[in-house]
Amino acid sequence: MPNTNAPSKIKLMDWSRLRTELLWAYEGPPLSPHFHTVEVDTVMCWLLLKGTVTAQSPTCGPITVKAGQWLFVAMDKTAHDFSPDAQIISLRLVIHWPTGQPLYNHHQWICFESSEYPQLLTHARKLIKQAERIVKMSPDPQQLRTRLASVPCEFEDYLTLENATLRWAHIYDRTMQKLGVKRMTITPIDGRVSECLKLLDQLPMDRQFNETQLARSLGLSLSQLNRIFVQAMNCTPKSYADNLRLNDTIKLLTTTPIPLKELAFTMGFKQPSHFASWFKKKTGLYPKEYRLQHLDNPIHQQMINTLKTW
């Protein structure tokens, strides 16, 4: 469960469960200068280098941000409009605990002068440099700027980007602390549950595993494992693994041209019809419908929303 009053130091094992993923990082004119839809719960921020932006939130009201200011977007933002001359730094990341709880709940606009926290800009540009380096080597750089998960890269490039992402997340955490925003931690997880999570995360994309053997490897019966896992995660290990499989499916479905039949086999389904039924039950749409609806959406609202759901 989320805990806002936990001590600042928690176990390394628990910190290792914090999920950090860069969805995009770029500098230039806004890719979506006028956007009117419900925001999704990720870390979304802009630094206005030139021009202005006005954003709307049903709980926080309107806000106008000018050049030289950072804006960390409220979780319930419903619209934004940039001026025609706007130039920005735009970052979106998932920084969540395994439960789906973000490291910081942005229930309000967080706006401040960039000059007050210069390291945020310094490391944002380092992050953008690494992201752009990978994207530029892809066949369609402009299309893939907001689809980093689908960009092919070398292991060395991945590690460099990952290190830059973690470094920016560190500066983000320090900034939020200085601004007095409460960090959300989690109640320490049972070591056996943490080990189970690690094993499930390392499974291939089809997420197939023997539940009884998994329980035995942890020195538990299946009923014991399910009980302590549900207490910590509010779902069974099987459900958790199935959510991971859905996350991977949506990534491939919305960011690659992989044929649906091949995708079904990749995800462990012997029949494409079984895959289609499973996916519709999870999302309300058949895979083909989902791809058509979300493939050309640079924001990937449903994909991002699913990325943080465990």
Protein backbone atom coordinates (compact mmCIF):
# COMPACT_ATOMS: atom_id res chain seq x y z
CA MET A 1 0.00 0.00 0.00
CA PRO A 2 1.19 3.59 -0.63
CA ASN A 3 2.76 5.29 2.36
CA THR A 4 3.53 9.02 2.55
CA ASN A 5 4.97 8.86 6.06
CA ALA A 6 7.57 6.16 5.55
CA PRO A 7 11.21 6.89 6.42
CA SER A 8 13.34 8.28 3.58
CA LYS A 9 15.53 5.19 3.59
CA ILE A 10 13.95 1.93 2.53
CA LYS A 11 15.47 -1.42 1.70
CA LEU A 12 17.48 -1.77 -1.49
CA MET A 13 15.22 -4.71 -2.36
CA ASP A 14 12.18 -2.44 -2.23
CA TRP A 15 13.83 0.36 -4.20
CA SER A 16 14.62 -2.19 -6.89
CA ARG A 17 10.87 -2.58 -7.45
CA LEU A 18 10.51 1.07 -8.54
CA ARG A 19 9.81 1.05 -12.27
CA THR A 20 11.39 3.82 -14.33
CA GLU A 21 10.75 4.00 -18.07
CA LEU A 22 11.31 6.84 -20.51
CA LEU A 23 8.44 7.24 -22.97
CA TRP A 24 9.83 10.25 -24.80
CA ALA A 25 12.22 13.19 -24.53
CA TYR A 26 12.61 15.90 -27.15
CA GLU A 27 13.37 19.59 -27.68
CA GLY A 28 11.68 21.78 -30.28
CA PRO A 29 8.16 22.83 -31.26
CA PRO A 30 5.37 20.91 -29.46
CA LEU A 31 4.41 17.75 -31.32
CA SER A 32 0.83 18.25 -30.07
CA PRO A 33 0.37 22.04 -29.82
CA HIS A 34 -3.38 21.77 -29.19
CA PHE A 35 -4.52 18.74 -27.25
CA HIS A 36 -7.94 18.23 -25.68
CA THR A 37 -8.34 14.94 -23.85
CA VAL A 38 -7.93 13.52 -20.36
CA GLU A 39 -4.30 13.28 -19.21
CA VAL A 40 -2.77 9.97 -18.19
CA ASP A 41 -0.98 9.33 -14.92
CA THR A 42 2.69 9.59 -15.83
CA VAL A 43 5.39 12.15 -15.13
CA MET A 44 4.68 14.73 -17.84
CA CYS A 45 6.60 18.00 -17.86
CA TRP A 46 7.52 20.87 -20.16
CA LEU A 47 10.15 23.56 -20.01
CA LEU A 48 9.03 26.57 -22.04
CA LEU A 49 12.04 27.82 -23.97
CA LYS A 50 9.97 30.25 -26.03
CA GLY A 51 6.30 31.23 -26.19
CA THR A 52 3.57 30.24 -23.75
CA VAL A 53 1.19 27.39 -22.96
CA THR A 54 -2.22 27.46 -21.31
CA ALA A 55 -3.49 24.24 -19.73
CA GLN A 56 -6.79 23.26 -18.10
CA SER A 57 -7.60 20.99 -15.16
CA PRO A 58 -11.07 20.42 -13.64
CA THR A 59 -9.65 20.42 -10.10
CA CYS A 60 -6.75 22.86 -10.43
CA GLY A 61 -8.26 25.31 -12.91
CA PRO A 62 -6.34 26.99 -15.75
CA ILE A 63 -2.64 27.86 -15.77
CA THR A 64 -0.51 29.85 -18.17
CA VAL A 65 3.22 29.18 -18.32
CA LYS A 66 5.77 31.45 -19.97
CA ALA A 67 9.30 31.05 -21.29
CA GLY A 68 11.86 30.06 -18.67
CA GLN A 69 9.41 28.05 -16.56
CA TRP A 70 8.97 24.34 -15.92
CA LEU A 71 5.47 22.91 -15.67
CA PHE A 72 4.82 19.47 -14.18
CA VAL A 73 1.37 18.62 -15.44
CA ALA A 74 -1.53 17.91 -13.09
CA MET A 75 -2.77 14.33 -13.30
CA ASP A 76 -6.23 15.39 -14.46
CA LYS A 77 -5.20 17.85 -17.20
CA THR A 78 -7.89 17.92 -19.85
CA ALA A 79 -6.44 20.33 -22.42
CA HIS A 80 -3.43 22.39 -23.42
CA ASP A 81 -2.77 25.04 -26.07
CA PHE A 82 0.70 26.28 -27.00
CA SER A 83 1.34 29.61 -28.67
CA PRO A 84 2.39 29.41 -32.37
CA ASP A 85 5.99 30.37 -31.53
CA ALA A 86 6.38 27.85 -28.69
CA GLN A 87 9.63 25.94 -28.28
CA ILE A 88 9.80 23.40 -25.47
CA ILE A 89 11.60 20.58 -23.77
CA SER A 90 9.06 17.77 -23.34
CA LEU A 91 9.58 14.72 -21.15
CA ARG A 92 7.24 11.87 -20.27
CA LEU A 93 8.24 9.02 -17.99
CA VAL A 94 6.69 6.22 -15.99
CA ILE A 95 8.07 6.29 -12.42
CA HIS A 96 5.88 3.86 -10.50
CA TRP A 97 5.92 1.26 -7.80
CA PRO A 98 4.77 -2.27 -8.74
CA THR A 99 1.30 -1.44 -7.42
CA GLY A 100 0.93 1.28 -10.05
CA GLN A 101 1.38 4.04 -7.45
CA PRO A 102 3.58 6.85 -8.80
CA LEU A 103 6.61 8.05 -6.86
CA TYR A 104 4.90 11.46 -6.67
CA ASN A 105 1.20 12.20 -7.05
CA HIS A 106 0.82 15.33 -9.16
CA HIS A 107 -2.60 16.45 -7.95
CA GLN A 108 -1.77 20.06 -8.78
CA TRP A 109 0.16 22.17 -11.25
CA ILE A 110 3.82 22.42 -10.25
CA CYS A 111 5.34 25.47 -11.93
CA PHE A 112 8.68 27.13 -11.17
CA GLU A 113 11.51 29.08 -12.77
CA SER A 114 14.09 26.92 -14.53
CA SER A 115 16.87 29.05 -13.02
CA GLU A 116 15.90 27.82 -9.54
CA TYR A 117 16.80 24.21 -10.39
CA PRO A 118 19.39 24.34 -13.22
CA GLN A 119 20.33 20.67 -12.94
CA LEU A 120 16.86 19.70 -14.14
CA LEU A 121 17.57 21.36 -17.49
CA THR A 122 21.15 20.09 -17.67
CA HIS A 123 20.13 16.47 -17.23
CA ALA A 124 17.01 16.85 -19.37
CA ARG A 125 19.24 17.84 -22.30
CA LYS A 126 21.57 14.91 -21.61
CA LEU A 127 18.54 12.62 -21.64
CA ILE A 128 17.26 14.14 -24.89
CA LYS A 129 20.71 13.76 -26.47
CA GLN A 130 20.74 10.02 -25.75
CA ALA A 131 17.13 9.51 -26.84
CA GLU A 132 17.67 11.43 -30.10
CA ARG A 133 20.86 9.51 -30.80
CA ILE A 134 18.91 6.25 -30.75
CA VAL A 135 15.92 7.61 -32.66
CA LYS A 136 18.09 9.11 -35.43
CA MET A 137 19.41 5.63 -36.23
CA SER A 138 15.85 4.35 -36.77
CA PRO A 139 14.15 4.22 -40.21
CA ASP A 140 11.53 6.84 -39.27
CA PRO A 141 12.96 9.26 -36.67
CA GLN A 142 10.09 11.78 -36.70
CA GLN A 143 7.42 9.09 -36.23
CA LEU A 144 9.34 7.30 -33.48
CA ARG A 145 10.22 10.28 -31.26
CA THR A 146 7.28 9.44 -29.01
CA ARG A 147 7.62 5.66 -29.45
CA LEU A 148 10.95 4.93 -27.82
CA ALA A 149 9.90 1.44 -26.74
CA SER A 150 9.80 0.28 -30.36
CA VAL A 151 13.12 1.76 -31.51
CA PRO A 152 15.83 -0.88 -32.19
CA CYS A 153 19.18 -0.16 -30.57
CA GLU A 154 22.39 -1.76 -29.36
CA PHE A 155 22.77 -2.91 -25.76
CA GLU A 156 25.33 -0.17 -25.11
CA ASP A 157 22.88 2.48 -26.32
CA TYR A 158 20.15 1.05 -24.11
CA LEU A 159 22.40 1.18 -21.04
CA THR A 160 23.45 4.76 -21.79
CA LEU A 161 19.82 5.85 -22.14
CA GLU A 162 18.82 3.94 -19.02
CA ASN A 163 21.58 5.62 -17.00
CA ALA A 164 20.53 9.04 -18.28
CA THR A 165 16.90 8.28 -17.39
CA LEU A 166 17.81 7.23 -13.86
CA ARG A 167 19.99 10.29 -13.41
CA TRP A 168 17.14 12.59 -14.48
CA ALA A 169 14.76 10.70 -12.17
CA HIS A 170 17.20 11.37 -9.33
CA ILE A 171 17.22 15.12 -10.08
CA TYR A 172 13.41 15.04 -10.39
CA ASP A 173 13.18 13.42 -6.95
CA ARG A 174 15.51 16.01 -5.40
CA THR A 175 13.52 18.82 -7.00
CA MET A 176 10.19 17.52 -5.72
CA GLN A 177 11.67 17.13 -2.23
CA LYS A 178 12.92 20.74 -2.26
CA LEU A 179 9.48 21.90 -3.42
CA GLY A 180 7.88 20.08 -0.48
CA VAL A 181 6.01 17.48 -2.55
CA LYS A 182 5.49 14.25 -0.61
CA ARG A 183 7.20 11.18 -1.94
CA MET A 184 5.03 8.07 -2.13
CA THR A 185 6.75 4.91 -0.95
CA ILE A 186 5.32 1.47 -0.35
CA THR A 187 4.97 -0.66 2.71
CA PRO A 188 8.00 -2.98 2.69
CA ILE A 189 7.20 -6.06 0.63
CA ASP A 190 7.66 -9.59 1.98
CA GLY A 191 11.02 -10.84 0.70
CA ARG A 192 9.34 -13.87 -0.86
CA VAL A 193 6.93 -11.65 -2.79
CA SER A 194 9.80 -9.46 -3.94
CA GLU A 195 11.67 -12.51 -5.20
CA CYS A 196 8.52 -13.73 -6.94
CA LEU A 197 8.12 -10.36 -8.66
CA LYS A 198 11.70 -10.54 -9.87
CA LEU A 199 11.15 -14.01 -11.33
CA LEU A 200 7.92 -12.96 -13.06
CA ASP A 201 9.54 -9.84 -14.52
CA GLN A 202 12.27 -12.00 -16.07
CA LEU A 203 9.89 -14.36 -17.86
CA PRO A 204 9.77 -14.38 -21.69
CA MET A 205 7.00 -12.36 -23.37
CA ASP A 206 4.53 -15.25 -23.32
CA ARG A 207 4.75 -15.16 -19.49
CA GLN A 208 4.20 -18.91 -19.21
CA PHE A 209 5.18 -20.51 -15.91
CA ASN A 210 4.23 -23.35 -13.58
CA GLU A 211 2.56 -21.85 -10.53
CA THR A 212 3.26 -24.83 -8.28
CA GLN A 213 6.95 -24.94 -9.23
CA LEU A 214 7.24 -21.20 -8.67
CA ALA A 215 5.77 -21.57 -5.19
CA ARG A 216 8.10 -24.47 -4.37
CA SER A 217 11.15 -22.48 -5.51
CA LEU A 218 10.21 -19.93 -2.85
CA GLY A 219 9.65 -22.56 -0.17
CA LEU A 220 5.87 -22.12 -0.21
CA SER A 221 2.74 -23.97 -1.18
CA LEU A 222 0.70 -22.46 -4.00
CA SER A 223 -2.02 -21.32 -1.59
CA GLN A 224 0.57 -19.66 0.66
CA LEU A 225 2.17 -17.84 -2.28
CA ASN A 226 -1.18 -16.62 -3.56
CA ARG A 227 -2.15 -15.40 -0.11
CA ILE A 228 0.98 -13.32 0.59
CA PHE A 229 1.13 -12.08 -3.02
CA VAL A 230 -2.47 -10.86 -2.95
CA GLN A 231 -1.81 -9.14 0.39
CA ALA A 232 1.11 -7.21 -1.14
CA MET A 233 -0.06 -6.68 -4.73
CA ASN A 234 -3.87 -7.07 -4.66
CA CYS A 235 -3.65 -9.75 -7.34
CA THR A 236 -2.30 -13.27 -7.80
CA PRO A 237 1.06 -14.04 -9.45
CA LYS A 238 -0.84 -15.39 -12.46
CA SER A 239 -2.81 -12.14 -12.84
CA TYR A 240 0.35 -10.08 -12.41
CA ALA A 241 2.10 -12.06 -15.16
CA ASP A 242 -0.93 -11.74 -17.41
CA ASN A 243 -0.85 -7.96 -16.99
CA LEU A 244 2.82 -7.98 -17.99
CA ARG A 245 1.89 -9.98 -21.08
CA LEU A 246 -0.80 -7.42 -21.93
CA ASN A 247 1.69 -4.56 -21.50
CA ASP A 248 4.11 -6.20 -23.93
CA THR A 249 1.30 -6.99 -26.36
CA ILE A 250 0.14 -3.37 -26.47
CA LYS A 251 3.69 -2.12 -26.97
CA LEU A 252 4.20 -4.41 -29.98
CA LEU A 253 0.71 -3.82 -31.31
CA THR A 254 0.94 -0.02 -31.28
CA THR A 255 4.60 0.56 -32.08
CA THR A 256 5.52 -2.16 -34.59
CA PRO A 257 4.02 -3.60 -37.81
CA ILE A 258 4.25 -7.19 -36.51
CA PRO A 259 1.49 -9.32 -38.12
CA LEU A 260 -1.28 -10.26 -35.70
CA LYS A 261 -0.77 -13.99 -36.26
CA GLU A 262 2.92 -13.69 -35.39
CA LEU A 263 2.07 -11.56 -32.37
CA ALA A 264 -0.34 -14.21 -31.13
CA PHE A 265 2.34 -16.90 -31.29
CA THR A 266 4.91 -14.59 -29.66
CA MET A 267 2.55 -14.13 -26.74
CA GLY A 268 2.09 -17.87 -26.27
CA PHE A 269 -1.25 -18.46 -28.01
CA LYS A 270 -1.57 -21.50 -30.26
CA GLN A 271 -4.57 -20.05 -32.10
CA PRO A 272 -4.94 -16.41 -33.23
CA SER A 273 -8.63 -16.63 -32.32
CA HIS A 274 -7.72 -17.41 -28.70
CA PHE A 275 -5.37 -14.43 -28.69
CA ALA A 276 -8.09 -12.16 -30.11
CA SER A 277 -10.60 -13.29 -27.48
CA TRP A 278 -8.10 -12.80 -24.64
CA PHE A 279 -7.18 -9.33 -25.84
CA LYS A 280 -10.81 -8.24 -26.29
CA LYS A 281 -11.62 -9.43 -22.78
CA LYS A 282 -8.75 -7.33 -21.43
CA THR A 283 -9.24 -4.15 -23.45
CA GLY A 284 -12.74 -4.24 -24.94
CA LEU A 285 -11.33 -4.26 -28.48
CA TYR A 286 -9.99 -6.90 -30.84
CA PRO A 287 -6.26 -6.52 -31.64
CA LYS A 288 -6.92 -5.22 -35.16
CA GLU A 289 -9.41 -2.65 -33.87
CA TYR A 290 -7.02 -1.56 -31.13
CA ARG A 291 -4.15 -1.12 -33.59
CA LEU A 292 -6.25 0.97 -35.95
CA GLN A 293 -7.49 3.13 -33.09
CA HIS A 294 -4.14 3.77 -31.40
CA LEU A 295 -1.34 3.25 -33.92
CA ASP A 296 -1.36 6.80 -35.24
CA ASN A 297 -1.88 8.49 -31.89
CA PRO A 298 1.46 10.00 -30.81
CA ILE A 299 0.30 10.23 -27.21
CA HIS A 300 -0.59 6.53 -26.98
CA GLN A 301 -3.04 7.23 -24.18
CA GLN A 302 -4.23 3.67 -23.68
CA MET A 303 -0.73 2.22 -24.01
CA ILE A 304 0.71 4.59 -21.44
CA ASN A 305 -2.18 3.98 -19.09
CA THR A 306 -1.59 0.23 -19.36
CA LEU A 307 2.16 0.59 -18.87
CA LYS A 308 1.61 1.66 -15.30
CA THR A 309 -1.12 -0.85 -14.48
CA TRP A 310 0.02 -4.04 -12.76
